[in-house]
N, C-alpha and C. Protein backbone atom coordinates (compact mmCIF):
# COMPACT_ATOMS: atom_id res chain seq x y z
N MET A 1 15.15 -16.26 213.92
CA MET A 1 13.43 -15.83 213.97
C MET A 1 13.68 -15.89 212.79
N ALA A 2 13.17 -16.38 212.11
CA ALA A 2 13.10 -16.99 210.07
C ALA A 2 11.48 -15.94 210.17
N THR A 3 12.40 -14.67 208.35
CA THR A 3 11.38 -13.84 208.80
C THR A 3 10.74 -13.89 207.33
N ALA A 4 9.83 -14.21 206.88
CA ALA A 4 8.09 -13.97 206.66
C ALA A 4 9.00 -14.13 205.46
N LYS A 5 8.19 -14.71 204.45
CA LYS A 5 9.07 -14.27 202.38
C LYS A 5 7.53 -13.46 201.85
N PRO A 6 8.03 -12.31 200.95
CA PRO A 6 6.68 -11.88 200.68
C PRO A 6 6.43 -13.20 199.93
N GLU A 7 4.89 -13.35 199.58
CA GLU A 7 4.36 -13.94 198.57
C GLU A 7 4.78 -13.18 197.32
N SER A 8 4.84 -13.70 196.10
CA SER A 8 5.39 -12.83 195.05
C SER A 8 3.62 -12.75 194.50
N ILE A 9 3.88 -11.79 193.88
CA ILE A 9 2.78 -10.62 193.77
C ILE A 9 2.50 -10.75 192.15
N ALA A 10 1.58 -11.43 191.05
CA ALA A 10 2.11 -10.78 189.26
C ALA A 10 1.55 -9.63 189.90
N PRO A 11 2.52 -8.64 188.61
CA PRO A 11 2.17 -7.72 188.72
C PRO A 11 0.78 -7.67 187.62
N ALA A 12 0.33 -5.68 188.27
CA ALA A 12 -1.37 -6.14 187.62
C ALA A 12 -1.09 -5.66 185.73
N VAL A 13 -2.54 -6.53 185.20
CA VAL A 13 -1.73 -6.38 183.41
C VAL A 13 -2.65 -4.91 183.41
N PRO A 14 -2.72 -3.86 182.96
CA PRO A 14 -2.96 -1.91 182.24
C PRO A 14 -4.26 -2.48 181.55
N PRO A 15 -5.36 -1.94 182.61
CA PRO A 15 -6.70 -2.56 181.91
C PRO A 15 -7.23 -1.77 180.24
N ARG A 16 -5.44 -1.24 179.95
CA ARG A 16 -5.27 -0.09 178.28
C ARG A 16 -4.78 -1.38 177.20
N ARG A 17 -4.22 -2.79 178.16
CA ARG A 17 -3.67 -3.93 177.14
C ARG A 17 -4.44 -5.34 177.09
N ARG A 18 -5.19 -4.48 178.62
CA ARG A 18 -6.54 -6.15 178.84
C ARG A 18 -7.63 -5.52 177.24
N LEU A 19 -7.86 -4.55 176.59
CA LEU A 19 -8.40 -3.41 176.62
C LEU A 19 -8.73 -3.96 174.53
N ARG A 20 -6.89 -4.03 174.06
CA ARG A 20 -6.47 -4.29 173.27
C ARG A 20 -7.02 -5.38 172.99
N VAL A 21 -6.20 -6.59 173.67
CA VAL A 21 -6.20 -8.23 173.75
C VAL A 21 -7.95 -8.80 173.67
N PHE A 22 -8.56 -8.11 173.89
CA PHE A 22 -9.71 -8.48 174.17
C PHE A 22 -10.13 -7.91 172.76
N ALA A 23 -9.96 -7.23 172.21
CA ALA A 23 -9.91 -6.43 171.10
C ALA A 23 -10.13 -7.34 169.35
N ALA A 24 -8.37 -6.91 170.22
CA ALA A 24 -8.13 -8.97 168.76
C ALA A 24 -9.16 -9.79 169.49
N VAL A 25 -8.67 -11.09 170.17
CA VAL A 25 -9.90 -11.52 170.48
C VAL A 25 -11.38 -11.47 169.50
N VAL A 26 -12.04 -10.26 169.65
CA VAL A 26 -13.16 -10.33 169.02
C VAL A 26 -12.83 -10.06 167.81
N ALA A 27 -11.49 -8.87 167.76
CA ALA A 27 -11.99 -9.20 165.42
C ALA A 27 -10.99 -10.00 164.95
N ALA A 28 -11.25 -11.62 165.68
CA ALA A 28 -10.12 -12.56 164.98
C ALA A 28 -11.68 -13.26 165.20
N LEU A 29 -12.37 -13.63 165.95
CA LEU A 29 -13.81 -14.31 166.00
C LEU A 29 -15.57 -14.18 164.51
N LEU A 30 -14.47 -12.36 165.13
CA LEU A 30 -15.61 -12.31 163.83
C LEU A 30 -15.04 -12.37 162.21
N PHE A 31 -13.57 -11.98 161.83
CA PHE A 31 -12.69 -13.34 161.09
C PHE A 31 -13.46 -13.98 160.34
N LEU A 32 -12.23 -15.01 160.90
CA LEU A 32 -13.78 -16.66 161.06
C LEU A 32 -15.61 -16.47 160.94
N LEU A 33 -15.93 -15.15 161.93
CA LEU A 33 -17.26 -16.50 161.53
C LEU A 33 -17.58 -15.36 159.71
N GLY A 34 -16.87 -14.73 159.69
CA GLY A 34 -17.55 -14.26 158.25
C GLY A 34 -16.64 -15.12 157.19
N THR A 35 -15.45 -15.32 156.92
CA THR A 35 -14.89 -16.02 156.49
C THR A 35 -15.73 -17.77 155.84
N TRP A 36 -16.32 -17.62 157.62
CA TRP A 36 -16.76 -19.39 157.68
C TRP A 36 -18.82 -19.08 156.50
N PHE A 37 -18.68 -18.22 156.77
CA PHE A 37 -20.62 -17.94 155.81
C PHE A 37 -20.13 -17.37 154.84
N TRP A 38 -19.75 -16.24 154.26
CA TRP A 38 -19.56 -16.12 153.07
C TRP A 38 -19.87 -16.07 151.64
N PRO A 39 -19.95 -17.89 151.92
CA PRO A 39 -20.77 -18.81 151.01
C PRO A 39 -22.40 -17.53 151.03
N THR A 40 -22.78 -18.29 152.74
CA THR A 40 -24.06 -17.76 152.58
C THR A 40 -25.00 -16.23 152.60
N ILE A 41 -23.49 -16.01 152.91
CA ILE A 41 -23.46 -14.55 152.97
C ILE A 41 -23.83 -13.38 151.28
N HIS A 42 -23.18 -14.15 150.96
CA HIS A 42 -22.82 -13.44 149.64
C HIS A 42 -23.90 -13.80 148.13
N SER A 43 -24.61 -15.07 148.57
CA SER A 43 -25.48 -15.69 147.98
C SER A 43 -26.53 -15.00 148.03
N TYR A 44 -26.78 -14.94 149.69
CA TYR A 44 -27.81 -14.22 149.96
C TYR A 44 -27.86 -12.50 149.62
N GLY A 45 -26.62 -11.85 149.42
CA GLY A 45 -26.26 -10.28 149.10
C GLY A 45 -26.86 -10.23 147.53
N LEU A 46 -25.97 -11.34 146.89
CA LEU A 46 -25.63 -10.77 145.44
C LEU A 46 -27.98 -11.74 145.00
N THR A 47 -28.09 -12.34 145.63
CA THR A 47 -30.15 -12.62 144.82
C THR A 47 -31.24 -11.91 144.95
N GLY A 48 -30.73 -10.60 146.65
CA GLY A 48 -30.96 -9.17 146.48
C GLY A 48 -31.58 -8.45 146.57
N ALA A 49 -29.85 -8.51 145.45
CA ALA A 49 -29.61 -7.34 144.63
C ALA A 49 -30.23 -7.45 142.93
N ALA A 50 -30.53 -8.58 142.86
CA ALA A 50 -30.74 -9.28 141.74
C ALA A 50 -32.25 -8.85 141.76
N TYR A 51 -32.94 -9.76 142.66
CA TYR A 51 -34.79 -8.93 142.91
C TYR A 51 -34.72 -7.85 143.19
N GLY A 52 -34.37 -6.91 143.78
CA GLY A 52 -34.29 -5.59 143.74
C GLY A 52 -33.22 -4.94 142.37
N ALA A 53 -32.89 -5.12 142.02
CA ALA A 53 -33.43 -4.55 140.84
C ALA A 53 -33.96 -5.19 139.53
N ARG A 54 -33.98 -5.96 139.79
CA ARG A 54 -35.40 -6.49 138.74
C ARG A 54 -36.17 -5.65 138.97
N VAL A 55 -37.01 -5.58 140.00
CA VAL A 55 -38.09 -5.10 141.15
C VAL A 55 -38.40 -3.46 140.50
N ALA A 56 -37.13 -2.90 141.42
CA ALA A 56 -36.84 -1.36 140.70
C ALA A 56 -36.76 -1.66 140.01
N CYS A 57 -36.55 -2.24 139.12
CA CYS A 57 -36.46 -1.49 137.62
C CYS A 57 -37.30 -1.96 136.57
N SER A 58 -38.39 -3.05 136.52
CA SER A 58 -39.48 -2.58 135.88
C SER A 58 -40.71 -1.75 136.93
N CYS A 59 -40.86 -1.78 137.55
CA CYS A 59 -41.61 -0.81 138.97
C CYS A 59 -41.36 0.96 138.35
N ARG A 60 -39.89 1.06 137.88
CA ARG A 60 -38.93 2.85 137.44
C ARG A 60 -39.56 3.04 135.44
N TYR A 61 -39.84 1.67 135.23
CA TYR A 61 -39.78 2.34 133.60
C TYR A 61 -40.58 1.39 132.87
N ALA A 62 -41.52 0.79 133.94
CA ALA A 62 -41.99 0.08 132.84
C ALA A 62 -44.25 0.47 133.49
N GLY A 63 -43.24 0.34 135.14
CA GLY A 63 -44.39 1.77 136.11
C GLY A 63 -44.47 2.56 135.06
N GLY A 64 -43.55 3.25 135.22
CA GLY A 64 -42.84 4.96 135.11
C GLY A 64 -43.20 5.96 136.77
N ARG A 65 -43.17 5.06 137.85
CA ARG A 65 -42.74 5.30 139.16
C ARG A 65 -41.70 5.49 139.84
N SER A 66 -42.06 6.86 140.85
CA SER A 66 -40.27 7.18 141.68
C SER A 66 -39.61 6.40 142.07
N ILE A 67 -38.23 6.06 141.50
CA ILE A 67 -37.47 5.26 142.73
C ILE A 67 -37.63 4.75 143.50
N GLY A 68 -37.88 6.17 144.57
CA GLY A 68 -37.85 6.38 146.05
C GLY A 68 -39.58 5.54 146.13
N ASP A 69 -40.20 5.89 145.26
CA ASP A 69 -41.33 4.96 144.86
C ASP A 69 -41.52 2.98 145.17
N CYS A 70 -40.26 2.40 144.24
CA CYS A 70 -40.51 1.72 144.47
C CYS A 70 -39.90 0.57 145.53
N ARG A 71 -39.30 1.06 146.28
CA ARG A 71 -38.79 0.83 147.85
C ARG A 71 -39.95 -0.43 147.88
N LYS A 72 -40.98 0.26 147.37
CA LYS A 72 -42.54 -0.27 148.31
C LYS A 72 -42.40 -1.66 148.36
N ASP A 73 -42.42 -1.37 147.30
CA ASP A 73 -42.47 -3.41 145.92
C ASP A 73 -41.32 -4.12 146.30
N PHE A 74 -40.42 -4.46 146.98
CA PHE A 74 -39.69 -4.56 147.84
C PHE A 74 -39.65 -6.03 148.84
N GLU A 75 -40.18 -7.16 149.32
CA GLU A 75 -40.29 -7.94 150.54
C GLU A 75 -39.19 -7.43 151.72
N PRO A 76 -40.47 -8.16 152.68
CA PRO A 76 -39.34 -7.62 153.82
C PRO A 76 -37.81 -7.90 154.76
N GLY A 77 -37.28 -7.23 154.82
CA GLY A 77 -36.37 -7.29 155.34
C GLY A 77 -35.33 -6.72 153.91
N MET A 78 -35.35 -6.37 152.81
CA MET A 78 -34.37 -5.26 152.09
C MET A 78 -33.31 -4.36 152.74
N GLY A 79 -34.18 -3.81 153.61
CA GLY A 79 -33.74 -2.58 153.70
C GLY A 79 -32.15 -2.28 153.43
N LEU A 80 -31.61 -3.05 153.65
CA LEU A 80 -30.49 -2.59 153.48
C LEU A 80 -29.63 -2.76 151.53
N VAL A 81 -31.06 -3.21 150.82
CA VAL A 81 -30.18 -3.12 149.43
C VAL A 81 -30.62 -1.13 148.80
N MET A 82 -29.70 -1.35 148.45
CA MET A 82 -30.03 0.13 148.18
C MET A 82 -29.68 0.48 146.44
N LEU A 83 -30.73 1.11 145.93
CA LEU A 83 -31.03 1.63 144.49
C LEU A 83 -30.29 2.73 144.04
N SER A 84 -30.19 2.69 143.14
CA SER A 84 -29.21 4.34 142.10
C SER A 84 -30.37 3.94 141.38
N GLU A 85 -29.81 4.96 139.93
CA GLU A 85 -30.33 4.55 138.17
C GLU A 85 -30.33 5.03 137.37
N ASP A 86 -29.38 4.51 136.42
CA ASP A 86 -28.98 5.75 135.08
C ASP A 86 -29.83 5.99 134.01
N THR A 87 -30.19 6.98 134.01
CA THR A 87 -31.44 7.01 133.04
C THR A 87 -31.40 7.72 131.73
N ALA A 88 -29.96 8.25 131.36
CA ALA A 88 -29.90 7.35 129.60
C ALA A 88 -29.94 5.87 129.57
N ALA A 89 -29.49 5.02 130.47
CA ALA A 89 -29.21 4.15 130.00
C ALA A 89 -30.16 2.90 130.42
N LYS A 90 -31.49 3.42 130.89
CA LYS A 90 -33.16 3.38 131.95
C LYS A 90 -32.05 0.72 131.91
N SER A 91 -31.56 2.37 132.97
CA SER A 91 -31.54 0.82 134.17
C SER A 91 -31.21 1.76 135.59
N VAL A 92 -31.59 -0.26 136.74
CA VAL A 92 -31.23 0.66 137.48
C VAL A 92 -30.17 -0.51 138.68
N THR A 93 -30.22 -0.62 139.16
CA THR A 93 -28.37 -0.75 139.88
C THR A 93 -29.43 -1.26 141.59
N ALA A 94 -29.14 -2.03 141.73
CA ALA A 94 -29.18 -2.45 143.09
C ALA A 94 -28.21 -3.07 143.98
N ARG A 95 -27.66 -2.68 145.35
CA ARG A 95 -26.16 -3.01 145.90
C ARG A 95 -26.71 -3.26 147.00
N PHE A 96 -25.96 -4.48 147.66
CA PHE A 96 -25.71 -5.04 148.57
C PHE A 96 -24.54 -5.10 149.52
N PRO A 97 -24.50 -3.48 150.55
CA PRO A 97 -23.21 -3.23 151.07
C PRO A 97 -22.24 -4.27 150.73
N LEU A 98 -20.86 -4.13 150.31
CA LEU A 98 -19.79 -4.97 150.00
C LEU A 98 -19.90 -6.09 150.23
N VAL A 99 -21.17 -6.45 149.39
CA VAL A 99 -21.09 -7.80 149.37
C VAL A 99 -21.83 -7.85 147.61
N ALA A 100 -22.84 -6.76 147.39
CA ALA A 100 -22.92 -7.64 146.31
C ALA A 100 -23.05 -6.98 145.72
N ALA A 101 -23.90 -6.41 144.07
CA ALA A 101 -24.30 -5.63 143.28
C ALA A 101 -25.00 -5.98 142.35
N GLN A 102 -26.25 -6.27 141.01
CA GLN A 102 -26.78 -6.53 140.09
C GLN A 102 -26.99 -4.66 139.35
N THR A 103 -27.64 -5.04 138.14
CA THR A 103 -28.41 -4.66 137.18
C THR A 103 -28.83 -4.77 136.34
N ALA A 104 -30.03 -4.08 136.54
CA ALA A 104 -31.15 -4.64 135.13
C ALA A 104 -31.38 -3.23 134.28
N ILE A 105 -31.88 -3.93 132.82
CA ILE A 105 -31.72 -3.24 131.46
C ILE A 105 -32.83 -2.38 131.48
N PHE A 106 -33.71 -1.67 131.10
CA PHE A 106 -35.30 -2.02 130.72
C PHE A 106 -35.05 -2.43 128.87
N ARG A 107 -35.58 -2.72 128.29
CA ARG A 107 -35.27 -3.13 126.91
C ARG A 107 -36.91 -2.96 126.63
N VAL A 108 -37.46 -2.63 125.45
CA VAL A 108 -38.64 -1.86 124.97
C VAL A 108 -39.05 -3.87 124.59
N GLY A 109 -39.57 -3.70 124.02
CA GLY A 109 -41.00 -5.79 124.05
C GLY A 109 -40.25 -6.54 125.52
N GLU A 110 -39.24 -5.77 125.48
CA GLU A 110 -38.87 -7.16 126.25
C GLU A 110 -38.23 -7.28 128.00
N GLY A 111 -38.89 -5.77 128.65
CA GLY A 111 -39.05 -5.18 129.71
C GLY A 111 -37.65 -5.21 130.85
N CYS A 112 -37.36 -5.26 132.05
CA CYS A 112 -35.86 -5.76 132.68
C CYS A 112 -35.07 -6.77 132.12
N ILE A 113 -34.20 -6.53 132.24
CA ILE A 113 -33.74 -8.12 132.07
C ILE A 113 -32.42 -7.60 133.35
N LEU A 114 -32.05 -9.01 134.21
CA LEU A 114 -30.72 -8.52 134.77
C LEU A 114 -29.23 -8.55 133.89
N GLU A 115 -28.63 -7.87 134.05
CA GLU A 115 -26.44 -8.91 133.25
C GLU A 115 -26.56 -9.94 133.52
N PRO A 116 -25.97 -10.63 132.97
CA PRO A 116 -25.26 -11.42 133.08
C PRO A 116 -24.80 -11.77 135.16
N TRP A 117 -24.55 -12.89 135.59
CA TRP A 117 -24.30 -13.67 136.76
C TRP A 117 -22.70 -13.42 136.56
N GLN A 118 -21.26 -13.02 137.14
CA GLN A 118 -20.49 -13.11 137.26
C GLN A 118 -19.84 -14.02 138.65
N ASP A 119 -18.68 -14.61 138.49
CA ASP A 119 -18.86 -16.26 139.45
C ASP A 119 -17.36 -16.08 139.59
């Protein structure tokens, strides 16, 4: 009588290892997407920061309103733009986190002028 040969059973992959592999694949995909879309993201971030700095500077130093009140003048979708002011230099800096920052300086007779973009 011939004995039945047991079928080979593949060892089960531990759940932690599957989770690590899945996380690595997701991270690699996010990196590739970020690299692919970086020029677009950077352009939008720089434009948003420049617009935010210019509008907030004019609102603050030409209009005399508080920096917090100046956020009301932003266009919809500019919630990520953060503002900070330097009262001694009469300037406002707007930042789009991890992407871009732009500063506008108030000059009497000229208004608010953006610092030159550095490519």
